[in-house]
Amino acid sequence: MDDVTRQALATATGVLAAVYISLAMGLADPYWAALSVMIIANVDRDALFTKGVLRIAGTFAGVALGYNLGQWMEGLQLPQAALVMIAAGVGTYGRQRSAYGYAWFYGALTFALVMLYTMVQPQDLYSFARYRCYEIVIGVACGTLANWALGPRAGGLGHIVPAPTPTTPESALKQSYIAALGTLVIILAWTMFDLPQLPQVLISSLIIIDADPAATRHRGFQRILGCILGGSAGLVVIGIDATEQWWWTLTLFLGVFAFARIHLTKSAQTYIGTQSAIAYLVTMVSTGPPTTLDPPVERLVGIVIGVSIITALVWALNARQIAAEKAAGG
């Protein structure tokens, strides 16, 4: 069995373990644990271990800071929105300029999510903050253990490896401004049009921002395509039989395995596999087998809205750079 297949098998196994542990603990959003397994998945054990440790570190830092500030600023929506914008910018800059950018990004993202909860569901702030930490730790632990047991046969348990900084300070600063502006647009659109799943909208938009504007546009397209593929697959599974536990478990495993295998290959279509797996998980995983299509459809709509907004902003604000790159290439 080749390394990609072994890691896809480990990823699907880790997802099932994370989901069932989260369900047994009565956590609010088991799909966060499943997503953590998927996001850190990597054939390279050091890369997987590094992402897992940095994801936990960033989550705990973001929760701690967001929870304390959120309590203090409850009811002050303008300052809260400003802090969410600042977090989006800082996280985007840190992601592109720090050797530990993954921790910076997910720390800022978690802070922004906690702050959003103080705006939309302040009564659930403590539960969200606590459950968020549990879900991420469970996902990272299950993904790491599954890799050690079933993944590629590599020596050692994994090491933290600093990443090279992928862009210049000027470019990172520009993309951080776009992230902050995009966050403001998303919050305003959500407020004016009562859009669904604000946290999912925000996550989906910020994660695609790249130092290369053309890459952001390309990833945005792939993310939307992946949403359609993974979300449609999940809806078909639910439509066939949404209540039988064995069917849900089997199709969850097989779907994650198939999409993870695309995600783990080094090809131009890798990100389609990544997003297909994410969309499949947010469609399939709730507090057990889904009993209605409304929540998964709302989450998918949120992803498409977020990606569309940020892709349009990147294209508009980087029009000259993109045109220059096309002219140079032609």
C-alpha atoms as a PDB file:
ATOM      1  CA  MET A   1       0.000   0.000   0.000  1.00  0.00           C
ATOM      2  CA  ASP A   2       1.458   3.380  -0.990  1.00  0.00           C
ATOM      3  CA  ASP A   3       1.922   6.224   1.503  1.00  0.00           C
ATOM      4  CA  VAL A   4      -0.978   8.336   0.201  1.00  0.00           C
ATOM      5  CA  THR A   5      -3.445   5.445   0.548  1.00  0.00           C
ATOM      6  CA  ARG A   6      -2.137   4.602   4.029  1.00  0.00           C
ATOM      7  CA  GLN A   7      -2.553   8.220   5.169  1.00  0.00           C
ATOM      8  CA  ALA A   8      -6.034   8.455   3.626  1.00  0.00           C
ATOM      9  CA  LEU A   9      -6.976   5.331   5.589  1.00  0.00           C
ATOM     10  CA  ALA A  10      -5.487   6.850   8.768  1.00  0.00           C
ATOM     11  CA  THR A  11      -7.369  10.109   8.153  1.00  0.00           C
ATOM     12  CA  ALA A  12     -10.737   8.406   7.693  1.00  0.00           C
ATOM     13  CA  THR A  13     -10.130   6.310  10.821  1.00  0.00           C
ATOM     14  CA  GLY A  14      -9.125   9.390  12.807  1.00  0.00           C
ATOM     15  CA  VAL A  15     -12.249  11.243  11.672  1.00  0.00           C
ATOM     16  CA  LEU A  16     -14.530   8.425  12.819  1.00  0.00           C
ATOM     17  CA  ALA A  17     -12.766   8.238  16.189  1.00  0.00           C
ATOM     18  CA  ALA A  18     -12.961  12.018  16.680  1.00  0.00           C
ATOM     19  CA  VAL A  19     -16.655  12.139  15.780  1.00  0.00           C
ATOM     20  CA  TYR A  20     -17.675   9.285  18.065  1.00  0.00           C
ATOM     21  CA  ILE A  21     -15.598  10.602  20.991  1.00  0.00           C
ATOM     22  CA  SER A  22     -17.170  14.043  20.541  1.00  0.00           C
ATOM     23  CA  LEU A  23     -20.655  12.516  20.412  1.00  0.00           C
ATOM     24  CA  ALA A  24     -19.972  10.471  23.539  1.00  0.00           C
ATOM     25  CA  MET A  25     -18.883  13.651  25.352  1.00  0.00           C
ATOM     26  CA  GLY A  26     -21.976  15.529  24.192  1.00  0.00           C
ATOM     27  CA  LEU A  27     -20.005  18.285  22.452  1.00  0.00           C
ATOM     28  CA  ALA A  28     -21.959  20.892  20.505  1.00  0.00           C
ATOM     29  CA  ASP A  29     -20.198  20.696  17.122  1.00  0.00           C
ATOM     30  CA  PRO A  30     -18.485  17.333  16.541  1.00  0.00           C
ATOM     31  CA  TYR A  31     -17.666  18.357  12.988  1.00  0.00           C
ATOM     32  CA  TRP A  32     -14.978  20.706  14.355  1.00  0.00           C
ATOM     33  CA  ALA A  33     -13.155  17.665  15.717  1.00  0.00           C
ATOM     34  CA  ALA A  34     -13.570  15.880  12.376  1.00  0.00           C
ATOM     35  CA  LEU A  35     -12.308  18.940  10.490  1.00  0.00           C
ATOM     36  CA  SER A  36      -9.215  19.110  12.705  1.00  0.00           C
ATOM     37  CA  VAL A  37      -8.282  15.559  11.700  1.00  0.00           C
ATOM     38  CA  MET A  38      -8.751  16.417   8.045  1.00  0.00           C
ATOM     39  CA  ILE A  39      -6.903  19.744   8.108  1.00  0.00           C
ATOM     40  CA  ILE A  40      -3.718  18.391   9.722  1.00  0.00           C
ATOM     41  CA  ALA A  41      -3.618  15.271   7.526  1.00  0.00           C
ATOM     42  CA  ASN A  42      -0.297  14.929   5.727  1.00  0.00           C
ATOM     43  CA  VAL A  43       1.896  12.152   4.364  1.00  0.00           C
ATOM     44  CA  ASP A  44       4.871  13.885   6.015  1.00  0.00           C
ATOM     45  CA  ARG A  45       4.702  13.010   9.729  1.00  0.00           C
ATOM     46  CA  ASP A  46       6.669  16.088  10.805  1.00  0.00           C
ATOM     47  CA  ALA A  47       4.279  18.350   8.899  1.00  0.00           C
ATOM     48  CA  LEU A  48       1.258  16.635  10.442  1.00  0.00           C
ATOM     49  CA  PHE A  49       2.713  16.851  13.967  1.00  0.00           C
ATOM     50  CA  THR A  50       3.691  20.505  13.492  1.00  0.00           C
ATOM     51  CA  LYS A  51       0.240  21.516  12.276  1.00  0.00           C
ATOM     52  CA  GLY A  52      -1.413  19.646  15.124  1.00  0.00           C
ATOM     53  CA  VAL A  53       0.668  21.278  17.852  1.00  0.00           C
ATOM     54  CA  LEU A  54       0.339  24.753  16.325  1.00  0.00           C
ATOM     55  CA  ARG A  55      -3.415  24.315  15.839  1.00  0.00           C
ATOM     56  CA  ILE A  56      -3.869  23.469  19.533  1.00  0.00           C
ATOM     57  CA  ALA A  57      -1.590  26.316  20.646  1.00  0.00           C
ATOM     58  CA  GLY A  58      -3.364  28.841  18.432  1.00  0.00           C
ATOM     59  CA  THR A  59      -6.801  27.651  19.511  1.00  0.00           C
ATOM     60  CA  PHE A  60      -6.047  27.906  23.228  1.00  0.00           C
ATOM     61  CA  ALA A  61      -4.493  31.364  22.838  1.00  0.00           C
ATOM     62  CA  GLY A  62      -7.416  32.609  20.724  1.00  0.00           C
ATOM     63  CA  VAL A  63     -10.025  31.190  23.101  1.00  0.00           C
ATOM     64  CA  ALA A  64      -8.350  32.629  26.209  1.00  0.00           C
ATOM     65  CA  LEU A  65      -7.980  36.121  24.771  1.00  0.00           C
ATOM     66  CA  GLY A  66     -11.347  36.140  23.001  1.00  0.00           C
ATOM     67  CA  TYR A  67     -13.277  34.857  26.011  1.00  0.00           C
ATOM     68  CA  ASN A  68     -11.870  37.452  28.404  1.00  0.00           C
ATOM     69  CA  LEU A  69     -12.276  40.359  26.004  1.00  0.00           C
ATOM     70  CA  GLY A  70     -15.674  39.074  24.895  1.00  0.00           C
ATOM     71  CA  GLN A  71     -17.080  39.200  28.413  1.00  0.00           C
ATOM     72  CA  TRP A  72     -15.772  42.723  28.887  1.00  0.00           C
ATOM     73  CA  MET A  73     -17.144  43.975  25.553  1.00  0.00           C
ATOM     74  CA  GLU A  74     -20.534  42.237  25.510  1.00  0.00           C
ATOM     75  CA  GLY A  75     -23.135  44.464  23.862  1.00  0.00           C
ATOM     76  CA  LEU A  76     -20.562  46.777  22.239  1.00  0.00           C
ATOM     77  CA  GLN A  77     -20.979  45.600  18.671  1.00  0.00           C
ATOM     78  CA  LEU A  78     -18.897  48.246  16.895  1.00  0.00           C
ATOM     79  CA  PRO A  79     -15.747  47.587  18.985  1.00  0.00           C
ATOM     80  CA  GLN A  80     -16.397  43.841  18.676  1.00  0.00           C
ATOM     81  CA  ALA A  81     -16.596  44.085  14.883  1.00  0.00           C
ATOM     82  CA  ALA A  82     -13.407  46.182  14.876  1.00  0.00           C
ATOM     83  CA  LEU A  83     -11.587  43.520  16.911  1.00  0.00           C
ATOM     84  CA  VAL A  84     -12.748  40.791  14.516  1.00  0.00           C
ATOM     85  CA  MET A  85     -11.365  42.835  11.601  1.00  0.00           C
ATOM     86  CA  ILE A  86      -8.050  43.385  13.395  1.00  0.00           C
ATOM     87  CA  ALA A  87      -7.809  39.679  14.210  1.00  0.00           C
ATOM     88  CA  ALA A  88      -8.412  38.795  10.544  1.00  0.00           C
ATOM     89  CA  GLY A  89      -5.630  41.141   9.455  1.00  0.00           C
ATOM     90  CA  VAL A  90      -3.156  40.044  12.141  1.00  0.00           C
ATOM     91  CA  GLY A  91      -3.825  36.356  11.486  1.00  0.00           C
ATOM     92  CA  THR A  92      -3.360  36.763   7.736  1.00  0.00           C
ATOM     93  CA  TYR A  93      -0.129  38.706   8.182  1.00  0.00           C
ATOM     94  CA  GLY A  94       1.254  36.243  10.741  1.00  0.00           C
ATOM     95  CA  ARG A  95       0.356  33.302   8.530  1.00  0.00           C
ATOM     96  CA  GLN A  96       2.456  34.706   5.694  1.00  0.00           C
ATOM     97  CA  ARG A  97       5.371  36.107   7.691  1.00  0.00           C
ATOM     98  CA  SER A  98       5.935  33.835  10.698  1.00  0.00           C
ATOM     99  CA  ALA A  99       7.754  30.513  10.785  1.00  0.00           C
ATOM    100  CA  TYR A 100       4.836  29.398  12.964  1.00  0.00           C
ATOM    101  CA  GLY A 101       2.182  31.074  10.835  1.00  0.00           C
ATOM    102  CA  TYR A 102      -0.312  28.253  11.343  1.00  0.00           C
ATOM    103  CA  ALA A 103      -0.540  29.081  15.062  1.00  0.00           C
ATOM    104  CA  TRP A 104      -0.892  32.795  14.316  1.00  0.00           C
ATOM    105  CA  PHE A 105      -3.645  32.184  11.799  1.00  0.00           C
ATOM    106  CA  TYR A 106      -5.724  29.786  13.877  1.00  0.00           C
ATOM    107  CA  GLY A 107      -5.169  31.805  17.034  1.00  0.00           C
ATOM    108  CA  ALA A 108      -6.519  34.911  15.315  1.00  0.00           C
ATOM    109  CA  LEU A 109      -9.314  32.942  13.654  1.00  0.00           C
ATOM    110  CA  THR A 110     -10.385  31.391  16.956  1.00  0.00           C
ATOM    111  CA  PHE A 111     -10.289  34.803  18.637  1.00  0.00           C
ATOM    112  CA  ALA A 112     -12.515  36.171  15.850  1.00  0.00           C
ATOM    113  CA  LEU A 113     -14.971  33.282  16.225  1.00  0.00           C
ATOM    114  CA  VAL A 114     -15.226  33.761  19.987  1.00  0.00           C
ATOM    115  CA  MET A 115     -15.769  37.491  19.476  1.00  0.00           C
ATOM    116  CA  LEU A 116     -18.492  36.754  16.928  1.00  0.00           C
ATOM    117  CA  TYR A 117     -20.261  34.627  19.518  1.00  0.00           C
ATOM    118  CA  THR A 118     -20.308  37.604  21.864  1.00  0.00           C
ATOM    119  CA  MET A 119     -22.135  39.458  19.087  1.00  0.00           C
ATOM    120  CA  VAL A 120     -24.678  36.825  18.047  1.00  0.00           C
ATOM    121  CA  GLN A 121     -24.987  34.351  20.951  1.00  0.00           C
ATOM    122  CA  PRO A 122     -23.450  35.898  24.090  1.00  0.00           C
ATOM    123  CA  GLN A 123     -25.387  33.511  26.325  1.00  0.00           C
ATOM    124  CA  ASP A 124     -23.474  30.586  24.793  1.00  0.00           C
ATOM    125  CA  LEU A 125     -20.002  32.140  25.006  1.00  0.00           C
ATOM    126  CA  TYR A 126     -18.647  29.954  27.814  1.00  0.00           C
ATOM    127  CA  SER A 127     -19.948  26.730  26.283  1.00  0.00           C
ATOM    128  CA  PHE A 128     -18.582  27.618  22.858  1.00  0.00           C
ATOM    129  CA  ALA A 129     -15.146  28.519  24.215  1.00  0.00           C
ATOM    130  CA  ARG A 130     -14.888  25.339  26.291  1.00  0.00           C
ATOM    131  CA  TYR A 131     -16.260  22.998  23.648  1.00  0.00           C
ATOM    132  CA  ARG A 132     -14.054  24.543  20.971  1.00  0.00           C
ATOM    133  CA  CYS A 133     -10.931  23.589  22.927  1.00  0.00           C
ATOM    134  CA  TYR A 134     -12.209  20.051  23.510  1.00  0.00           C
ATOM    135  CA  GLU A 135     -13.118  19.560  19.850  1.00  0.00           C
ATOM    136  CA  ILE A 136      -9.753  20.732  18.527  1.00  0.00           C
ATOM    137  CA  VAL A 137      -7.735  18.668  21.020  1.00  0.00           C
ATOM    138  CA  ILE A 138      -9.798  15.563  20.255  1.00  0.00           C
ATOM    139  CA  GLY A 139      -9.389  16.050  16.508  1.00  0.00           C
ATOM    140  CA  VAL A 140      -5.637  16.634  16.665  1.00  0.00           C
ATOM    141  CA  ALA A 141      -5.108  13.708  19.057  1.00  0.00           C
ATOM    142  CA  CYS A 142      -7.163  11.306  16.920  1.00  0.00           C
ATOM    143  CA  GLY A 143      -5.487  12.444  13.704  1.00  0.00           C
ATOM    144  CA  THR A 144      -2.006  12.093  15.201  1.00  0.00           C
ATOM    145  CA  LEU A 145      -2.622   8.698  16.800  1.00  0.00           C
ATOM    146  CA  ALA A 146      -4.218   7.350  13.618  1.00  0.00           C
ATOM    147  CA  ASN A 147      -1.169   8.513  11.662  1.00  0.00           C
ATOM    148  CA  TRP A 148       1.201   6.768  14.088  1.00  0.00           C
ATOM    149  CA  ALA A 149      -0.829   3.541  13.931  1.00  0.00           C
ATOM    150  CA  LEU A 150      -1.930   3.376  10.283  1.00  0.00           C
ATOM    151  CA  GLY A 151      -0.107   6.080   8.332  1.00  0.00           C
ATOM    152  CA  PRO A 152       3.106   5.913   6.304  1.00  0.00           C
ATOM    153  CA  ARG A 153       5.860   3.940   7.981  1.00  0.00           C
ATOM    154  CA  ALA A 154       8.141   6.808   8.987  1.00  0.00           C
ATOM    155  CA  GLY A 155      10.581   6.839  11.885  1.00  0.00           C
ATOM    156  CA  GLY A 156       9.883   8.783  15.064  1.00  0.00           C
ATOM    157  CA  LEU A 157       6.749  10.393  16.440  1.00  0.00           C
ATOM    158  CA  GLY A 158       7.178  13.679  14.614  1.00  0.00           C
ATOM    159  CA  HIS A 159       8.961  16.971  15.240  1.00  0.00           C
ATOM    160  CA  ILE A 160       7.932  20.623  15.105  1.00  0.00           C
ATOM    161  CA  VAL A 161       9.431  22.066  11.940  1.00  0.00           C
ATOM    162  CA  PRO A 162       9.397  25.864  11.351  1.00  0.00           C
ATOM    163  CA  ALA A 163       8.078  26.858   7.942  1.00  0.00           C
ATOM    164  CA  PRO A 164       9.768  29.316   5.587  1.00  0.00           C
ATOM    165  CA  THR A 165       8.055  32.698   5.239  1.00  0.00           C
ATOM    166  CA  PRO A 166       6.370  32.625   1.824  1.00  0.00           C
ATOM    167  CA  THR A 167       6.127  36.343   1.035  1.00  0.00           C
ATOM    168  CA  THR A 168       7.503  39.841   1.603  1.00  0.00           C
ATOM    169  CA  PRO A 169       6.315  42.112   4.454  1.00  0.00           C
ATOM    170  CA  GLU A 170       4.740  44.499   1.914  1.00  0.00           C
ATOM    171  CA  SER A 171       2.720  41.766   0.216  1.00  0.00           C
ATOM    172  CA  ALA A 172       1.656  40.227   3.543  1.00  0.00           C
ATOM    173  CA  LEU A 173       0.549  43.638   4.802  1.00  0.00           C
ATOM    174  CA  LYS A 174      -1.541  44.228   1.690  1.00  0.00           C
ATOM    175  CA  GLN A 175      -3.256  40.852   2.007  1.00  0.00           C
ATOM    176  CA  SER A 176      -3.911  41.526   5.706  1.00  0.00           C
ATOM    177  CA  TYR A 177      -5.709  44.764   4.742  1.00  0.00           C
ATOM    178  CA  ILE A 178      -7.831  42.790   2.281  1.00  0.00           C
ATOM    179  CA  ALA A 179      -8.632  40.238   4.995  1.00  0.00           C
ATOM    180  CA  ALA A 180      -9.740  42.987   7.388  1.00  0.00           C
ATOM    181  CA  LEU A 181     -11.847  44.704   4.715  1.00  0.00           C
ATOM    182  CA  GLY A 182     -13.359  41.394   3.626  1.00  0.00           C
ATOM    183  CA  THR A 183     -14.293  40.638   7.214  1.00  0.00           C
ATOM    184  CA  LEU A 184     -16.081  43.994   7.488  1.00  0.00           C
ATOM    185  CA  VAL A 185     -17.986  43.344   4.245  1.00  0.00           C
ATOM    186  CA  ILE A 186     -19.004  39.883   5.458  1.00  0.00           C
ATOM    187  CA  ILE A 187     -20.247  41.190   8.816  1.00  0.00           C
ATOM    188  CA  LEU A 188     -22.224  43.981   7.110  1.00  0.00           C
ATOM    189  CA  ALA A 189     -23.724  41.572   4.557  1.00  0.00           C
ATOM    190  CA  TRP A 190     -24.681  39.143   7.319  1.00  0.00           C
ATOM    191  CA  THR A 191     -26.323  41.957   9.307  1.00  0.00           C
ATOM    192  CA  MET A 192     -28.223  43.448   6.361  1.00  0.00           C
ATOM    193  CA  PHE A 193     -29.399  40.254   4.665  1.00  0.00           C
ATOM    194  CA  ASP A 194     -29.630  37.858   7.631  1.00  0.00           C
ATOM    195  CA  LEU A 195     -27.209  35.425   6.028  1.00  0.00           C
ATOM    196  CA  PRO A 196     -26.731  31.953   7.540  1.00  0.00           C
ATOM    197  CA  GLN A 197     -23.762  30.627   9.511  1.00  0.00           C
ATOM    198  CA  LEU A 198     -21.643  33.771  10.038  1.00  0.00           C
ATOM    199  CA  PRO A 199     -18.697  31.850  11.608  1.00  0.00           C
ATOM    200  CA  GLN A 200     -18.575  29.469   8.637  1.00  0.00           C
ATOM    201  CA  VAL A 201     -18.702  32.401   6.213  1.00  0.00           C
ATOM    202  CA  LEU A 202     -15.740  34.048   7.938  1.00  0.00           C
ATOM    203  CA  ILE A 203     -13.621  30.900   8.108  1.00  0.00           C
ATOM    204  CA  SER A 204     -14.195  30.064   4.464  1.00  0.00           C
ATOM    205  CA  SER A 205     -13.224  33.536   3.315  1.00  0.00           C
ATOM    206  CA  LEU A 206     -10.032  34.039   5.295  1.00  0.00           C
ATOM    207  CA  ILE A 207      -8.516  30.634   4.684  1.00  0.00           C
ATOM    208  CA  ILE A 208      -8.210  31.135   0.914  1.00  0.00           C
ATOM    209  CA  ILE A 209      -6.226  34.410   1.046  1.00  0.00           C
ATOM    210  CA  ASP A 210      -2.817  33.842  -0.501  1.00  0.00           C
ATOM    211  CA  ALA A 211       0.247  36.022  -1.014  1.00  0.00           C
ATOM    212  CA  ASP A 212      -0.320  35.549  -4.740  1.00  0.00           C
ATOM    213  CA  PRO A 213      -3.689  37.131  -5.739  1.00  0.00           C
ATOM    214  CA  ALA A 214      -4.025  34.784  -8.713  1.00  0.00           C
ATOM    215  CA  ALA A 215      -3.588  31.833  -6.357  1.00  0.00           C
ATOM    216  CA  THR A 216      -6.334  33.228  -4.115  1.00  0.00           C
ATOM    217  CA  ARG A 217      -8.662  33.416  -7.084  1.00  0.00           C
ATOM    218  CA  HIS A 218      -7.728  29.881  -8.149  1.00  0.00           C
ATOM    219  CA  ARG A 219      -8.201  28.518  -4.636  1.00  0.00           C
ATOM    220  CA  GLY A 220     -11.520  30.325  -4.368  1.00  0.00           C
ATOM    221  CA  PHE A 221     -12.733  28.608  -7.528  1.00  0.00           C
ATOM    222  CA  GLN A 222     -11.491  25.235  -6.307  1.00  0.00           C
ATOM    223  CA  ARG A 223     -13.124  25.819  -2.928  1.00  0.00           C
ATOM    224  CA  ILE A 224     -16.503  26.511  -4.512  1.00  0.00           C
ATOM    225  CA  LEU A 225     -16.131  23.471  -6.788  1.00  0.00           C
ATOM    226  CA  GLY A 226     -15.134  21.339  -3.806  1.00  0.00           C
ATOM    227  CA  CYS A 227     -18.164  22.609  -1.891  1.00  0.00           C
ATOM    228  CA  ILE A 228     -20.427  21.510  -4.700  1.00  0.00           C
ATOM    229  CA  LEU A 229     -18.809  18.058  -4.988  1.00  0.00           C
ATOM    230  CA  GLY A 230     -18.466  17.276  -1.281  1.00  0.00           C
ATOM    231  CA  GLY A 231     -21.741  18.887  -0.277  1.00  0.00           C
ATOM    232  CA  SER A 232     -23.665  17.131  -3.043  1.00  0.00           C
ATOM    233  CA  ALA A 233     -22.156  13.775  -2.052  1.00  0.00           C
ATOM    234  CA  GLY A 234     -23.176  14.363   1.563  1.00  0.00           C
ATOM    235  CA  LEU A 235     -26.707  15.381   0.610  1.00  0.00           C
ATOM    236  CA  VAL A 236     -27.074  12.276  -1.572  1.00  0.00           C
ATOM    237  CA  VAL A 237     -25.979  10.056   1.317  1.00  0.00           C
ATOM    238  CA  ILE A 238     -28.421  11.769   3.674  1.00  0.00           C
ATOM    239  CA  GLY A 239     -31.197  11.566   1.071  1.00  0.00           C
ATOM    240  CA  ILE A 240     -30.737   7.808   0.670  1.00  0.00           C
ATOM    241  CA  ASP A 241     -30.948   7.111   4.399  1.00  0.00           C
ATOM    242  CA  ALA A 242     -30.241   9.742   7.035  1.00  0.00           C
ATOM    243  CA  THR A 243     -31.223   7.746  10.123  1.00  0.00           C
ATOM    244  CA  GLU A 244     -29.422   4.387   9.987  1.00  0.00           C
ATOM    245  CA  GLN A 245     -26.284   4.536  12.116  1.00  0.00           C
ATOM    246  CA  TRP A 246     -24.404   1.849  10.145  1.00  0.00           C
ATOM    247  CA  TRP A 247     -25.074   3.606   6.831  1.00  0.00           C
ATOM    248  CA  TRP A 248     -23.952   6.963   8.201  1.00  0.00           C
ATOM    249  CA  THR A 249     -20.777   5.491   9.687  1.00  0.00           C
ATOM    250  CA  LEU A 250     -19.858   3.524   6.565  1.00  0.00           C
ATOM    251  CA  THR A 251     -20.445   6.389   4.131  1.00  0.00           C
ATOM    252  CA  LEU A 252     -18.680   8.866   6.422  1.00  0.00           C
ATOM    253  CA  PHE A 253     -15.581   6.666   6.421  1.00  0.00           C
ATOM    254  CA  LEU A 254     -15.627   5.941   2.675  1.00  0.00           C
ATOM    255  CA  GLY A 255     -16.296   9.562   1.711  1.00  0.00           C
ATOM    256  CA  VAL A 256     -13.476  10.927   3.862  1.00  0.00           C
ATOM    257  CA  PHE A 257     -11.115   8.243   2.567  1.00  0.00           C
ATOM    258  CA  ALA A 258     -11.879   9.101  -1.073  1.00  0.00           C
ATOM    259  CA  PHE A 259     -11.604  12.875  -0.659  1.00  0.00           C
ATOM    260  CA  ALA A 260      -8.560  12.629   1.621  1.00  0.00           C
ATOM    261  CA  ARG A 261      -6.744  10.652  -1.032  1.00  0.00           C
ATOM    262  CA  ILE A 262      -7.195  13.550  -3.476  1.00  0.00           C
ATOM    263  CA  HIS A 263      -6.223  16.028  -0.749  1.00  0.00           C
ATOM    264  CA  LEU A 264      -2.972  14.185  -0.019  1.00  0.00           C
ATOM    265  CA  THR A 265      -1.744  13.914  -3.616  1.00  0.00           C
ATOM    266  CA  LYS A 266       0.616  16.553  -4.983  1.00  0.00           C
ATOM    267  CA  SER A 267      -1.390  17.774  -7.961  1.00  0.00           C
ATOM    268  CA  ALA A 268      -3.160  20.851  -9.256  1.00  0.00           C
ATOM    269  CA  GLN A 269      -6.449  19.419  -7.976  1.00  0.00           C
ATOM    270  CA  THR A 270      -5.316  18.867  -4.390  1.00  0.00           C
ATOM    271  CA  TYR A 271      -7.355  21.716  -2.962  1.00  0.00           C
ATOM    272  CA  ILE A 272     -10.551  20.401  -4.564  1.00  0.00           C
ATOM    273  CA  GLY A 273     -10.058  17.239  -2.506  1.00  0.00           C
ATOM    274  CA  THR A 274      -9.417  19.334   0.616  1.00  0.00           C
ATOM    275  CA  GLN A 275     -12.590  21.373   0.231  1.00  0.00           C
ATOM    276  CA  SER A 276     -14.673  18.398  -0.865  1.00  0.00           C
ATOM    277  CA  ALA A 277     -13.712  16.618   2.350  1.00  0.00           C
ATOM    278  CA  ILE A 278     -14.526  19.702   4.438  1.00  0.00           C
ATOM    279  CA  ALA A 279     -17.907  20.182   2.740  1.00  0.00           C
ATOM    280  CA  TYR A 280     -18.667  16.473   3.105  1.00  0.00           C
ATOM    281  CA  LEU A 281     -17.910  16.601   6.826  1.00  0.00           C
ATOM    282  CA  VAL A 282     -19.939  19.722   7.593  1.00  0.00           C
ATOM    283  CA  THR A 283     -22.827  18.179   5.650  1.00  0.00           C
ATOM    284  CA  MET A 284     -22.650  14.736   7.243  1.00  0.00           C
ATOM    285  CA  VAL A 285     -21.661  15.444  10.838  1.00  0.00           C
ATOM    286  CA  SER A 286     -24.016  16.981  13.346  1.00  0.00           C
ATOM    287  CA  THR A 287     -24.924  15.693  16.805  1.00  0.00           C
ATOM    288  CA  GLY A 288     -25.262  12.272  15.187  1.00  0.00           C
ATOM    289  CA  PRO A 289     -26.706  11.290  11.793  1.00  0.00           C
ATOM    290  CA  PRO A 290     -28.499  14.335  10.299  1.00  0.00           C
ATOM    291  CA  THR A 291     -32.269  14.340  10.654  1.00  0.00           C
ATOM    292  CA  THR A 292     -32.886  17.407   8.448  1.00  0.00           C
ATOM    293  CA  LEU A 293     -31.155  19.018   5.489  1.00  0.00           C
ATOM    294  CA  ASP A 294     -31.445  22.581   6.796  1.00  0.00           C
ATOM    295  CA  PRO A 295     -28.220  22.831   8.892  1.00  0.00           C
ATOM    296  CA  PRO A 296     -25.894  21.259   6.301  1.00  0.00           C
ATOM    297  CA  VAL A 297     -27.394  23.339   3.488  1.00  0.00           C
ATOM    298  CA  GLU A 298     -26.939  26.511   5.565  1.00  0.00           C
ATOM    299  CA  ARG A 299     -23.300  25.647   6.255  1.00  0.00           C
ATOM    300  CA  LEU A 300     -22.653  25.050   2.554  1.00  0.00           C
ATOM    301  CA  VAL A 301     -24.332  28.323   1.604  1.00  0.00           C
ATOM    302  CA  GLY A 302     -22.117  30.075   4.147  1.00  0.00           C
ATOM    303  CA  ILE A 303     -18.958  28.667   2.570  1.00  0.00           C
ATOM    304  CA  VAL A 304     -19.960  29.754  -0.941  1.00  0.00           C
ATOM    305  CA  ILE A 305     -20.914  33.266   0.233  1.00  0.00           C
ATOM    306  CA  GLY A 306     -17.632  33.749   2.109  1.00  0.00           C
ATOM    307  CA  VAL A 307     -15.463  32.562  -0.756  1.00  0.00           C
ATOM    308  CA  SER A 308     -17.328  34.663  -3.302  1.00  0.00           C
ATOM    309  CA  ILE A 309     -16.980  37.856  -1.258  1.00  0.00           C
ATOM    310  CA  ILE A 310     -13.264  37.519  -0.545  1.00  0.00           C
ATOM    311  CA  THR A 311     -12.403  36.359  -4.076  1.00  0.00           C
ATOM    312  CA  ALA A 312     -14.172  39.412  -5.530  1.00  0.00           C
ATOM    313  CA  LEU A 313     -12.294  41.722  -3.156  1.00  0.00           C
ATOM    314  CA  VAL A 314      -8.918  40.161  -3.928  1.00  0.00           C
ATOM    315  CA  TRP A 315      -9.581  40.471  -7.640  1.00  0.00           C
ATOM    316  CA  ALA A 316     -10.709  44.103  -7.360  1.00  0.00           C
ATOM    317  CA  LEU A 317      -7.932  45.306  -5.047  1.00  0.00           C
ATOM    318  CA  ASN A 318      -5.143  43.457  -6.856  1.00  0.00           C
ATOM    319  CA  ALA A 319      -6.349  44.150 -10.409  1.00  0.00           C
ATOM    320  CA  ARG A 320      -3.177  45.981 -11.457  1.00  0.00           C
ATOM    321  CA  GLN A 321      -0.836  43.307 -10.064  1.00  0.00           C
ATOM    322  CA  ILE A 322      -2.822  40.495 -11.678  1.00  0.00           C
ATOM    323  CA  ALA A 323      -2.889  42.342 -15.029  1.00  0.00           C
ATOM    324  CA  ALA A 324       0.860  42.967 -14.834  1.00  0.00           C
ATOM    325  CA  GLU A 325       1.555  39.306 -14.085  1.00  0.00           C
ATOM    326  CA  LYS A 326      -0.611  38.232 -17.021  1.00  0.00           C
ATOM    327  CA  ALA A 327       1.175  40.673 -19.339  1.00  0.00           C
ATOM    328  CA  ALA A 328       4.596  39.455 -18.169  1.00  0.00           C
ATOM    329  CA  GLY A 329       3.535  35.848 -18.645  1.00  0.00           C
ATOM    330  CA  GLY A 330       2.130  36.523 -22.093  1.00  0.00           C
END
